Amino acid sequence: VPWFVARIPTDYFYSGRRSVLPWARHHPALRWPLLVLKNVVGIVFLAAGIAMLVLPGQGLLTMLAGILLLDFPGKYRFERRLIRQPAILDSINWLRRRRGRPPLQL
């Protein structure tokens, strides 16, 4: 999870418009398997985060990483509302500082 959190671009939540995904320009035969793989990994992270709410681990951050990987309608608005929670933003920026990355811009 810390690796994924450190890889979030600093301005990911700053702009009102989403950037184009790196594989969106590839051929559909490559794009669809990558999209399915990304969503499967997101579901695994989300399930692991839910389990970590009662088990030891960073449950909320793991769930956030899973949500970031999933694709669903209204995702960007949900992410922005979630990331504006002070406890979540402080935790993410703490992990980013440990990895030598700048804090997220809101």
PDB file of N, CA and C in Angstrom:
ATOM      1  N   VAL A   1       0.815  -1.199   0.000  1.00  0.00           N
ATOM      2  CA  VAL A   1       0.000   0.000   0.000  1.00  0.00           C
ATOM      3  C   VAL A   1       0.862   1.268   0.000  1.00  0.00           C
ATOM      4  N   PRO A   2       1.914   1.359   0.836  1.00  0.00           N
ATOM      5  CA  PRO A   2       2.723   2.578   0.787  1.00  0.00           C
ATOM      6  C   PRO A   2       3.313   2.854  -0.599  1.00  0.00           C
ATOM      7  N   TRP A   3       3.662   1.799  -1.320  1.00  0.00           N
ATOM      8  CA  TRP A   3       4.209   1.995  -2.661  1.00  0.00           C
ATOM      9  C   TRP A   3       3.161   2.619  -3.583  1.00  0.00           C
ATOM     10  N   PHE A   4       1.912   2.116  -3.508  1.00  0.00           N
ATOM     11  CA  PHE A   4       0.836   2.660  -4.337  1.00  0.00           C
ATOM     12  C   PHE A   4       0.520   4.103  -3.950  1.00  0.00           C
ATOM     13  N   VAL A   5       0.502   4.392  -2.665  1.00  0.00           N
ATOM     14  CA  VAL A   5       0.201   5.746  -2.208  1.00  0.00           C
ATOM     15  C   VAL A   5       1.282   6.712  -2.670  1.00  0.00           C
ATOM     16  N   ALA A   6       2.528   6.284  -2.649  1.00  0.00           N
ATOM     17  CA  ALA A   6       3.620   7.146  -3.101  1.00  0.00           C
ATOM     18  C   ALA A   6       3.569   7.378  -4.611  1.00  0.00           C
ATOM     19  N   ARG A   7       2.950   6.498  -5.354  1.00  0.00           N
ATOM     20  CA  ARG A   7       2.879   6.616  -6.815  1.00  0.00           C
ATOM     21  C   ARG A   7       1.733   7.516  -7.288  1.00  0.00           C
ATOM     22  N   ILE A   8       0.831   7.929  -6.389  1.00  0.00           N
ATOM     23  CA  ILE A   8      -0.256   8.829  -6.786  1.00  0.00           C
ATOM     24  C   ILE A   8       0.372  10.169  -7.171  1.00  0.00           C
ATOM     25  N   PRO A   9       0.060  10.684  -8.360  1.00  0.00           N
ATOM     26  CA  PRO A   9       0.601  11.996  -8.741  1.00  0.00           C
ATOM     27  C   PRO A   9       0.164  13.070  -7.752  1.00  0.00           C
ATOM     28  N   THR A  10       1.028  14.029  -7.505  1.00  0.00           N
ATOM     29  CA  THR A  10       0.767  15.077  -6.527  1.00  0.00           C
ATOM     30  C   THR A  10      -0.512  15.842  -6.847  1.00  0.00           C
ATOM     31  N   ASP A  11      -0.782  16.070  -8.120  1.00  0.00           N
ATOM     32  CA  ASP A  11      -1.951  16.851  -8.518  1.00  0.00           C
ATOM     33  C   ASP A  11      -3.138  15.982  -8.935  1.00  0.00           C
ATOM     34  N   TYR A  12      -3.181  14.726  -8.527  1.00  0.00           N
ATOM     35  CA  TYR A  12      -4.252  13.805  -8.918  1.00  0.00           C
ATOM     36  C   TYR A  12      -5.620  14.322  -8.495  1.00  0.00           C
ATOM     37  N   PHE A  13      -5.735  14.908  -7.328  1.00  0.00           N
ATOM     38  CA  PHE A  13      -7.013  15.403  -6.820  1.00  0.00           C
ATOM     39  C   PHE A  13      -7.173  16.899  -7.019  1.00  0.00           C
ATOM     40  N   TYR A  14      -6.208  17.550  -7.615  1.00  0.00           N
ATOM     41  CA  TYR A  14      -6.206  19.002  -7.745  1.00  0.00           C
ATOM     42  C   TYR A  14      -7.042  19.482  -8.923  1.00  0.00           C
ATOM     43  N   SER A  15      -6.874  18.883 -10.069  1.00  0.00           N
ATOM     44  CA  SER A  15      -7.575  19.358 -11.256  1.00  0.00           C
ATOM     45  C   SER A  15      -8.990  18.790 -11.310  1.00  0.00           C
ATOM     46  N   GLY A  16      -9.885  19.521 -11.942  1.00  0.00           N
ATOM     47  CA  GLY A  16     -11.254  19.067 -12.077  1.00  0.00           C
ATOM     48  C   GLY A  16     -11.430  18.080 -13.222  1.00  0.00           C
ATOM     49  N   ARG A  17     -10.420  17.974 -14.085  1.00  0.00           N
ATOM     50  CA  ARG A  17     -10.517  17.087 -15.230  1.00  0.00           C
ATOM     51  C   ARG A  17      -9.535  15.947 -15.086  1.00  0.00           C
ATOM     52  N   ARG A  18      -9.976  14.745 -15.429  1.00  0.00           N
ATOM     53  CA  ARG A  18      -9.137  13.553 -15.293  1.00  0.00           C
ATOM     54  C   ARG A  18      -8.143  13.471 -16.441  1.00  0.00           C
ATOM     55  N   SER A  19      -6.956  12.973 -16.146  1.00  0.00           N
ATOM     56  CA  SER A  19      -5.961  12.770 -17.186  1.00  0.00           C
ATOM     57  C   SER A  19      -6.227  11.446 -17.904  1.00  0.00           C
ATOM     58  N   VAL A  20      -5.671  11.320 -19.086  1.00  0.00           N
ATOM     59  CA  VAL A  20      -5.838  10.103 -19.883  1.00  0.00           C
ATOM     60  C   VAL A  20      -4.939   9.016 -19.304  1.00  0.00           C
ATOM     61  N   LEU A  21      -5.483   7.829 -19.156  1.00  0.00           N
ATOM     62  CA  LEU A  21      -4.707   6.718 -18.617  1.00  0.00           C
ATOM     63  C   LEU A  21      -3.604   6.314 -19.589  1.00  0.00           C
ATOM     64  N   PRO A  22      -2.473   5.820 -19.075  1.00  0.00           N
ATOM     65  CA  PRO A  22      -1.354   5.478 -19.955  1.00  0.00           C
ATOM     66  C   PRO A  22      -1.693   4.437 -21.015  1.00  0.00           C
ATOM     67  N   TRP A  23      -2.560   3.491 -20.695  1.00  0.00           N
ATOM     68  CA  TRP A  23      -2.841   2.438 -21.669  1.00  0.00           C
ATOM     69  C   TRP A  23      -4.075   2.747 -22.518  1.00  0.00           C
ATOM     70  N   ALA A  24      -4.677   3.907 -22.380  1.00  0.00           N
ATOM     71  CA  ALA A  24      -5.884   4.242 -23.136  1.00  0.00           C
ATOM     72  C   ALA A  24      -5.593   4.395 -24.627  1.00  0.00           C
ATOM     73  N   ARG A  25      -4.359   4.657 -24.967  1.00  0.00           N
ATOM     74  CA  ARG A  25      -3.995   4.849 -26.372  1.00  0.00           C
ATOM     75  C   ARG A  25      -3.581   3.550 -27.055  1.00  0.00           C
ATOM     76  N   HIS A  26      -3.482   2.472 -26.309  1.00  0.00           N
ATOM     77  CA  HIS A  26      -3.071   1.194 -26.880  1.00  0.00           C
ATOM     78  C   HIS A  26      -4.206   0.523 -27.634  1.00  0.00           C
ATOM     79  N   HIS A  27      -3.851  -0.498 -28.338  1.00  0.00           N
ATOM     80  CA  HIS A  27      -4.821  -1.290 -29.084  1.00  0.00           C
ATOM     81  C   HIS A  27      -5.824  -1.929 -28.120  1.00  0.00           C
ATOM     82  N   PRO A  28      -7.105  -2.052 -28.511  1.00  0.00           N
ATOM     83  CA  PRO A  28      -8.111  -2.635 -27.607  1.00  0.00           C
ATOM     84  C   PRO A  28      -7.764  -4.038 -27.109  1.00  0.00           C
ATOM     85  N   ALA A  29      -7.019  -4.803 -27.905  1.00  0.00           N
ATOM     86  CA  ALA A  29      -6.642  -6.154 -27.467  1.00  0.00           C
ATOM     87  C   ALA A  29      -5.715  -6.104 -26.262  1.00  0.00           C
ATOM     88  N   LEU A  30      -4.994  -5.024 -26.072  1.00  0.00           N
ATOM     89  CA  LEU A  30      -4.116  -4.850 -24.910  1.00  0.00           C
ATOM     90  C   LEU A  30      -4.822  -4.051 -23.819  1.00  0.00           C
ATOM     91  N   ARG A  31      -5.641  -3.097 -24.224  1.00  0.00           N
ATOM     92  CA  ARG A  31      -6.296  -2.202 -23.264  1.00  0.00           C
ATOM     93  C   ARG A  31      -7.285  -2.945 -22.370  1.00  0.00           C
ATOM     94  N   TRP A  32      -8.122  -3.808 -22.931  1.00  0.00           N
ATOM     95  CA  TRP A  32      -9.131  -4.496 -22.137  1.00  0.00           C
ATOM     96  C   TRP A  32      -8.542  -5.444 -21.097  1.00  0.00           C
ATOM     97  N   PRO A  33      -7.551  -6.272 -21.428  1.00  0.00           N
ATOM     98  CA  PRO A  33      -6.962  -7.116 -20.370  1.00  0.00           C
ATOM     99  C   PRO A  33      -6.316  -6.299 -19.245  1.00  0.00           C
ATOM    100  N   LEU A  34      -5.681  -5.169 -19.595  1.00  0.00           N
ATOM    101  CA  LEU A  34      -5.084  -4.319 -18.563  1.00  0.00           C
ATOM    102  C   LEU A  34      -6.163  -3.701 -17.670  1.00  0.00           C
ATOM    103  N   LEU A  35      -7.269  -3.299 -18.268  1.00  0.00           N
ATOM    104  CA  LEU A  35      -8.364  -2.728 -17.497  1.00  0.00           C
ATOM    105  C   LEU A  35      -8.977  -3.764 -16.554  1.00  0.00           C
ATOM    106  N   VAL A  36      -9.157  -4.975 -17.046  1.00  0.00           N
ATOM    107  CA  VAL A  36      -9.701  -6.054 -16.204  1.00  0.00           C
ATOM    108  C   VAL A  36      -8.732  -6.373 -15.065  1.00  0.00           C
ATOM    109  N   LEU A  37      -7.436  -6.461 -15.376  1.00  0.00           N
ATOM    110  CA  LEU A  37      -6.431  -6.747 -14.349  1.00  0.00           C
ATOM    111  C   LEU A  37      -6.418  -5.659 -13.276  1.00  0.00           C
ATOM    112  N   LYS A  38      -6.499  -4.398 -13.701  1.00  0.00           N
ATOM    113  CA  LYS A  38      -6.500  -3.281 -12.755  1.00  0.00           C
ATOM    114  C   LYS A  38      -7.711  -3.362 -11.825  1.00  0.00           C
ATOM    115  N   ASN A  39      -8.876  -3.695 -12.366  1.00  0.00           N
ATOM    116  CA  ASN A  39     -10.076  -3.802 -11.544  1.00  0.00           C
ATOM    117  C   ASN A  39     -10.025  -5.001 -10.608  1.00  0.00           C
ATOM    118  N   VAL A  40      -9.451  -6.117 -11.057  1.00  0.00           N
ATOM    119  CA  VAL A  40      -9.308  -7.286 -10.181  1.00  0.00           C
ATOM    120  C   VAL A  40      -8.383  -6.959  -9.011  1.00  0.00           C
ATOM    121  N   VAL A  41      -7.273  -6.292  -9.288  1.00  0.00           N
ATOM    122  CA  VAL A  41      -6.359  -5.896  -8.214  1.00  0.00           C
ATOM    123  C   VAL A  41      -7.062  -4.923  -7.268  1.00  0.00           C
ATOM    124  N   GLY A  42      -7.871  -4.025  -7.797  1.00  0.00           N
ATOM    125  CA  GLY A  42      -8.633  -3.102  -6.957  1.00  0.00           C
ATOM    126  C   GLY A  42      -9.598  -3.821  -6.035  1.00  0.00           C
ATOM    127  N   ILE A  43     -10.277  -4.848  -6.558  1.00  0.00           N
ATOM    128  CA  ILE A  43     -11.203  -5.621  -5.727  1.00  0.00           C
ATOM    129  C   ILE A  43     -10.456  -6.361  -4.628  1.00  0.00           C
ATOM    130  N   VAL A  44      -9.289  -6.904  -4.969  1.00  0.00           N
ATOM    131  CA  VAL A  44      -8.482  -7.609  -3.965  1.00  0.00           C
ATOM    132  C   VAL A  44      -8.043  -6.642  -2.868  1.00  0.00           C
ATOM    133  N   PHE A  45      -7.589  -5.451  -3.246  1.00  0.00           N
ATOM    134  CA  PHE A  45      -7.177  -4.460  -2.252  1.00  0.00           C
ATOM    135  C   PHE A  45      -8.361  -4.030  -1.390  1.00  0.00           C
ATOM    136  N   LEU A  46      -9.519  -3.825  -2.013  1.00  0.00           N
ATOM    137  CA  LEU A  46     -10.694  -3.414  -1.256  1.00  0.00           C
ATOM    138  C   LEU A  46     -11.100  -4.495  -0.251  1.00  0.00           C
ATOM    139  N   ALA A  47     -11.093  -5.750  -0.670  1.00  0.00           N
ATOM    140  CA  ALA A  47     -11.432  -6.857   0.236  1.00  0.00           C
ATOM    141  C   ALA A  47     -10.405  -6.987   1.353  1.00  0.00           C
ATOM    142  N   ALA A  48      -9.124  -6.832   1.011  1.00  0.00           N
ATOM    143  CA  ALA A  48      -8.079  -6.906   2.039  1.00  0.00           C
ATOM    144  C   ALA A  48      -8.227  -5.751   3.038  1.00  0.00           C
ATOM    145  N   GLY A  49      -8.589  -4.579   2.551  1.00  0.00           N
ATOM    146  CA  GLY A  49      -8.789  -3.432   3.439  1.00  0.00           C
ATOM    147  C   GLY A  49      -9.943  -3.645   4.390  1.00  0.00           C
ATOM    148  N   ILE A  50     -11.022  -4.234   3.870  1.00  0.00           N
ATOM    149  CA  ILE A  50     -12.166  -4.524   4.736  1.00  0.00           C
ATOM    150  C   ILE A  50     -11.762  -5.537   5.806  1.00  0.00           C
ATOM    151  N   ALA A  51     -10.982  -6.545   5.414  1.00  0.00           N
ATOM    152  CA  ALA A  51     -10.508  -7.533   6.388  1.00  0.00           C
ATOM    153  C   ALA A  51      -9.593  -6.886   7.425  1.00  0.00           C
ATOM    154  N   MET A  52      -8.798  -5.890   6.990  1.00  0.00           N
ATOM    155  CA  MET A  52      -7.868  -5.234   7.910  1.00  0.00           C
ATOM    156  C   MET A  52      -8.561  -4.293   8.888  1.00  0.00           C
ATOM    157  N   LEU A  53      -9.844  -4.062   8.706  1.00  0.00           N
ATOM    158  CA  LEU A  53     -10.553  -3.263   9.696  1.00  0.00           C
ATOM    159  C   LEU A  53     -10.673  -4.010  11.016  1.00  0.00           C
ATOM    160  N   VAL A  54     -10.688  -5.346  10.957  1.00  0.00           N
ATOM    161  CA  VAL A  54     -10.743  -6.151  12.179  1.00  0.00           C
ATOM    162  C   VAL A  54      -9.427  -6.876  12.436  1.00  0.00           C
ATOM    163  N   LEU A  55      -8.591  -6.996  11.425  1.00  0.00           N
ATOM    164  CA  LEU A  55      -7.272  -7.610  11.561  1.00  0.00           C
ATOM    165  C   LEU A  55      -6.221  -6.506  11.618  1.00  0.00           C
ATOM    166  N   PRO A  56      -5.000  -6.826  12.031  1.00  0.00           N
ATOM    167  CA  PRO A  56      -3.966  -5.798  12.039  1.00  0.00           C
ATOM    168  C   PRO A  56      -3.605  -5.364  10.613  1.00  0.00           C
ATOM    169  N   GLY A  57      -3.411  -4.084  10.428  1.00  0.00           N
ATOM    170  CA  GLY A  57      -3.024  -3.556   9.126  1.00  0.00           C
ATOM    171  C   GLY A  57      -3.639  -2.191   8.886  1.00  0.00           C
ATOM    172  N   GLN A  58      -3.311  -1.614   7.757  1.00  0.00           N
ATOM    173  CA  GLN A  58      -3.780  -0.286   7.379  1.00  0.00           C
ATOM    174  C   GLN A  58      -5.049  -0.441   6.544  1.00  0.00           C
ATOM    175  N   GLY A  59      -6.155  -0.742   7.186  1.00  0.00           N
ATOM    176  CA  GLY A  59      -7.393  -1.048   6.499  1.00  0.00           C
ATOM    177  C   GLY A  59      -7.929   0.081   5.645  1.00  0.00           C
ATOM    178  N   LEU A  60      -8.015   1.290   6.208  1.00  0.00           N
ATOM    179  CA  LEU A  60      -8.578   2.408   5.451  1.00  0.00           C
ATOM    180  C   LEU A  60      -7.722   2.769   4.249  1.00  0.00           C
ATOM    181  N   LEU A  61      -6.407   2.774   4.425  1.00  0.00           N
ATOM    182  CA  LEU A  61      -5.537   3.113   3.304  1.00  0.00           C
ATOM    183  C   LEU A  61      -5.556   2.040   2.225  1.00  0.00           C
ATOM    184  N   THR A  62      -5.657   0.783   2.632  1.00  0.00           N
ATOM    185  CA  THR A  62      -5.739  -0.301   1.657  1.00  0.00           C
ATOM    186  C   THR A  62      -7.058  -0.223   0.893  1.00  0.00           C
ATOM    187  N   MET A  63      -8.130   0.112   1.588  1.00  0.00           N
ATOM    188  CA  MET A  63      -9.412   0.282   0.909  1.00  0.00           C
ATOM    189  C   MET A  63      -9.361   1.458  -0.060  1.00  0.00           C
ATOM    190  N   LEU A  64      -8.707   2.550   0.325  1.00  0.00           N
ATOM    191  CA  LEU A  64      -8.572   3.705  -0.557  1.00  0.00           C
ATOM    192  C   LEU A  64      -7.776   3.336  -1.805  1.00  0.00           C
ATOM    193  N   ALA A  65      -6.696   2.570  -1.635  1.00  0.00           N
ATOM    194  CA  ALA A  65      -5.913   2.134  -2.797  1.00  0.00           C
ATOM    195  C   ALA A  65      -6.761   1.264  -3.718  1.00  0.00           C
ATOM    196  N   GLY A  66      -7.593   0.414  -3.160  1.00  0.00           N
ATOM    197  CA  GLY A  66      -8.479  -0.410  -3.968  1.00  0.00           C
ATOM    198  C   GLY A  66      -9.487   0.425  -4.728  1.00  0.00           C
ATOM    199  N   ILE A  67     -10.047   1.431  -4.077  1.00  0.00           N
ATOM    200  CA  ILE A  67     -11.011   2.314  -4.735  1.00  0.00           C
ATOM    201  C   ILE A  67     -10.339   3.090  -5.858  1.00  0.00           C
ATOM    202  N   LEU A  68      -9.094   3.520  -5.648  1.00  0.00           N
ATOM    203  CA  LEU A  68      -8.374   4.239  -6.693  1.00  0.00           C
ATOM    204  C   LEU A  68      -8.166   3.381  -7.935  1.00  0.00           C
ATOM    205  N   LEU A  69      -8.033   2.080  -7.755  1.00  0.00           N
ATOM    206  CA  LEU A  69      -7.807   1.187  -8.885  1.00  0.00           C
ATOM    207  C   LEU A  69      -9.095   0.797  -9.612  1.00  0.00           C
ATOM    208  N   LEU A  70     -10.219   0.814  -8.924  1.00  0.00           N
ATOM    209  CA  LEU A  70     -11.484   0.406  -9.535  1.00  0.00           C
ATOM    210  C   LEU A  70     -12.024   1.481 -10.473  1.00  0.00           C
ATOM    211  N   ASP A  71     -12.848   1.056 -11.428  1.00  0.00           N
ATOM    212  CA  ASP A  71     -13.540   1.977 -12.327  1.00  0.00           C
ATOM    213  C   ASP A  71     -15.039   1.835 -12.103  1.00  0.00           C
ATOM    214  N   PHE A  72     -15.693   2.937 -11.720  1.00  0.00           N
ATOM    215  CA  PHE A  72     -17.140   2.947 -11.558  1.00  0.00           C
ATOM    216  C   PHE A  72     -17.627   4.385 -11.706  1.00  0.00           C
ATOM    217  N   PRO A  73     -18.898   4.584 -12.076  1.00  0.00           N
ATOM    218  CA  PRO A  73     -19.429   5.942 -12.248  1.00  0.00           C
ATOM    219  C   PRO A  73     -19.385   6.724 -10.933  1.00  0.00           C
ATOM    220  N   GLY A  74     -18.970   7.980 -11.003  1.00  0.00           N
ATOM    221  CA  GLY A  74     -18.897   8.831  -9.822  1.00  0.00           C
ATOM    222  C   GLY A  74     -17.657   8.602  -8.976  1.00  0.00           C
ATOM    223  N   LYS A  75     -16.704   7.855  -9.496  1.00  0.00           N
ATOM    224  CA  LYS A  75     -15.516   7.511  -8.724  1.00  0.00           C
ATOM    225  C   LYS A  75     -14.698   8.749  -8.339  1.00  0.00           C
ATOM    226  N   TYR A  76     -14.503   9.660  -9.271  1.00  0.00           N
ATOM    227  CA  TYR A  76     -13.654  10.811  -8.997  1.00  0.00           C
ATOM    228  C   TYR A  76     -14.248  11.695  -7.897  1.00  0.00           C
ATOM    229  N   ARG A  77     -15.557  11.934  -7.944  1.00  0.00           N
ATOM    230  CA  ARG A  77     -16.201  12.728  -6.887  1.00  0.00           C
ATOM    231  C   ARG A  77     -16.081  12.028  -5.542  1.00  0.00           C
ATOM    232  N   PHE A  78     -16.267  10.700  -5.533  1.00  0.00           N
ATOM    233  CA  PHE A  78     -16.151   9.927  -4.290  1.00  0.00           C
ATOM    234  C   PHE A  78     -14.729  10.003  -3.737  1.00  0.00           C
ATOM    235  N   GLU A  79     -13.726   9.873  -4.626  1.00  0.00           N
ATOM    236  CA  GLU A  79     -12.323   9.955  -4.192  1.00  0.00           C
ATOM    237  C   GLU A  79     -12.023  11.318  -3.578  1.00  0.00           C
ATOM    238  N   ARG A  80     -12.478  12.370  -4.237  1.00  0.00           N
ATOM    239  CA  ARG A  80     -12.206  13.717  -3.728  1.00  0.00           C
ATOM    240  C   ARG A  80     -12.864  13.935  -2.366  1.00  0.00           C
ATOM    241  N   ARG A  81     -14.090  13.449  -2.184  1.00  0.00           N
ATOM    242  CA  ARG A  81     -14.768  13.589  -0.895  1.00  0.00           C
ATOM    243  C   ARG A  81     -14.045  12.790   0.182  1.00  0.00           C
ATOM    244  N   LEU A  82     -13.595  11.600  -0.172  1.00  0.00           N
ATOM    245  CA  LEU A  82     -12.900  10.737   0.776  1.00  0.00           C
ATOM    246  C   LEU A  82     -11.539  11.303   1.160  1.00  0.00           C
ATOM    247  N   ILE A  83     -10.798  11.803   0.177  1.00  0.00           N
ATOM    248  CA  ILE A  83      -9.440  12.288   0.449  1.00  0.00           C
ATOM    249  C   ILE A  83      -9.457  13.582   1.266  1.00  0.00           C
ATOM    250  N   ARG A  84     -10.563  14.288   1.270  1.00  0.00           N
ATOM    251  CA  ARG A  84     -10.646  15.530   2.047  1.00  0.00           C
ATOM    252  C   ARG A  84     -10.888  15.294   3.524  1.00  0.00           C
ATOM    253  N   GLN A  85     -11.063  14.044   3.919  1.00  0.00           N
ATOM    254  CA  GLN A  85     -11.177  13.723   5.342  1.00  0.00           C
ATOM    255  C   GLN A  85      -9.791  13.920   5.971  1.00  0.00           C
ATOM    256  N   PRO A  86      -9.685  14.745   7.010  1.00  0.00           N
ATOM    257  CA  PRO A  86      -8.368  15.070   7.575  1.00  0.00           C
ATOM    258  C   PRO A  86      -7.543  13.851   7.986  1.00  0.00           C
ATOM    259  N   ALA A  87      -8.164  12.853   8.582  1.00  0.00           N
ATOM    260  CA  ALA A  87      -7.403  11.682   9.037  1.00  0.00           C
ATOM    261  C   ALA A  87      -6.808  10.917   7.853  1.00  0.00           C
ATOM    262  N   ILE A  88      -7.562  10.779   6.785  1.00  0.00           N
ATOM    263  CA  ILE A  88      -7.077  10.050   5.610  1.00  0.00           C
ATOM    264  C   ILE A  88      -5.985  10.846   4.913  1.00  0.00           C
ATOM    265  N   LEU A  89      -6.206  12.145   4.730  1.00  0.00           N
ATOM    266  CA  LEU A  89      -5.200  12.976   4.066  1.00  0.00           C
ATOM    267  C   LEU A  89      -3.903  13.010   4.866  1.00  0.00           C
ATOM    268  N   ASP A  90      -3.992  13.142   6.182  1.00  0.00           N
ATOM    269  CA  ASP A  90      -2.786  13.148   7.014  1.00  0.00           C
ATOM    270  C   ASP A  90      -2.031  11.828   6.914  1.00  0.00           C
ATOM    271  N   SER A  91      -2.751  10.712   6.909  1.00  0.00           N
ATOM    272  CA  SER A  91      -2.101   9.403   6.803  1.00  0.00           C
ATOM    273  C   SER A  91      -1.411   9.229   5.456  1.00  0.00           C
ATOM    274  N   ILE A  92      -2.085   9.638   4.397  1.00  0.00           N
ATOM    275  CA  ILE A  92      -1.491   9.509   3.061  1.00  0.00           C
ATOM    276  C   ILE A  92      -0.271  10.394   2.932  1.00  0.00           C
ATOM    277  N   ASN A  93      -0.357  11.628   3.384  1.00  0.00           N
ATOM    278  CA  ASN A  93       0.795  12.525   3.285  1.00  0.00           C
ATOM    279  C   ASN A  93       1.947  12.061   4.176  1.00  0.00           C
ATOM    280  N   TRP A  94       1.648  11.424   5.300  1.00  0.00           N
ATOM    281  CA  TRP A  94       2.704  10.870   6.151  1.00  0.00           C
ATOM    282  C   TRP A  94       3.444   9.751   5.408  1.00  0.00           C
ATOM    283  N   LEU A  95       2.675   8.862   4.758  1.00  0.00           N
ATOM    284  CA  LEU A  95       3.318   7.798   3.971  1.00  0.00           C
ATOM    285  C   LEU A  95       4.123   8.375   2.819  1.00  0.00           C
ATOM    286  N   ARG A  96       3.637   9.417   2.185  1.00  0.00           N
ATOM    287  CA  ARG A  96       4.365  10.045   1.066  1.00  0.00           C
ATOM    288  C   ARG A  96       5.656  10.691   1.566  1.00  0.00           C
ATOM    289  N   ARG A  97       5.607  11.340   2.730  1.00  0.00           N
ATOM    290  CA  ARG A  97       6.827  11.944   3.298  1.00  0.00           C
ATOM    291  C   ARG A  97       7.887  10.886   3.575  1.00  0.00           C
ATOM    292  N   ARG A  98       7.449   9.728   4.085  1.00  0.00           N
ATOM    293  CA  ARG A  98       8.399   8.643   4.369  1.00  0.00           C
ATOM    294  C   ARG A  98       9.076   8.135   3.099  1.00  0.00           C
ATOM    295  N   ARG A  99       8.400   8.239   1.970  1.00  0.00           N
ATOM    296  CA  ARG A  99       8.946   7.799   0.674  1.00  0.00           C
ATOM    297  C   ARG A  99       9.640   8.935  -0.072  1.00  0.00           C
ATOM    298  N   GLY A 100       9.702  10.123   0.557  1.00  0.00           N
ATOM    299  CA  GLY A 100      10.377  11.260  -0.068  1.00  0.00           C
ATOM    300  C   GLY A 100       9.564  11.922  -1.158  1.00  0.00           C
ATOM    301  N   ARG A 101       8.239  11.783  -1.099  1.00  0.00           N
ATOM    302  CA  ARG A 101       7.359  12.380  -2.100  1.00  0.00           C
ATOM    303  C   ARG A 101       6.654  13.586  -1.502  1.00  0.00           C
ATOM    304  N   PRO A 102       6.324  14.609  -2.314  1.00  0.00           N
ATOM    305  CA  PRO A 102       5.611  15.781  -1.790  1.00  0.00           C
ATOM    306  C   PRO A 102       4.172  15.427  -1.430  1.00  0.00           C
ATOM    307  N   PRO A 103       3.541  16.227  -0.555  1.00  0.00           N
ATOM    308  CA  PRO A 103       2.148  15.960  -0.167  1.00  0.00           C
ATOM    309  C   PRO A 103       1.191  16.179  -1.351  1.00  0.00           C
ATOM    310  N   LEU A 104       0.022  15.575  -1.236  1.00  0.00           N
ATOM    311  CA  LEU A 104      -0.998  15.733  -2.269  1.00  0.00           C
ATOM    312  C   LEU A 104      -1.563  17.150  -2.237  1.00  0.00           C
ATOM    313  N   GLN A 105      -1.870  17.685  -3.405  1.00  0.00           N
ATOM    314  CA  GLN A 105      -2.502  19.004  -3.524  1.00  0.00           C
ATOM    315  C   GLN A 105      -3.999  18.807  -3.674  1.00  0.00           C
ATOM    316  N   LEU A 106      -4.757  19.591  -2.909  1.00  0.00           N
ATOM    317  CA  LEU A 106      -6.228  19.502  -3.025  1.00  0.00           C
ATOM    318  C   LEU A 106      -6.776  20.728  -3.669  1.00  0.00           C
TER     319      LEU A 106
END
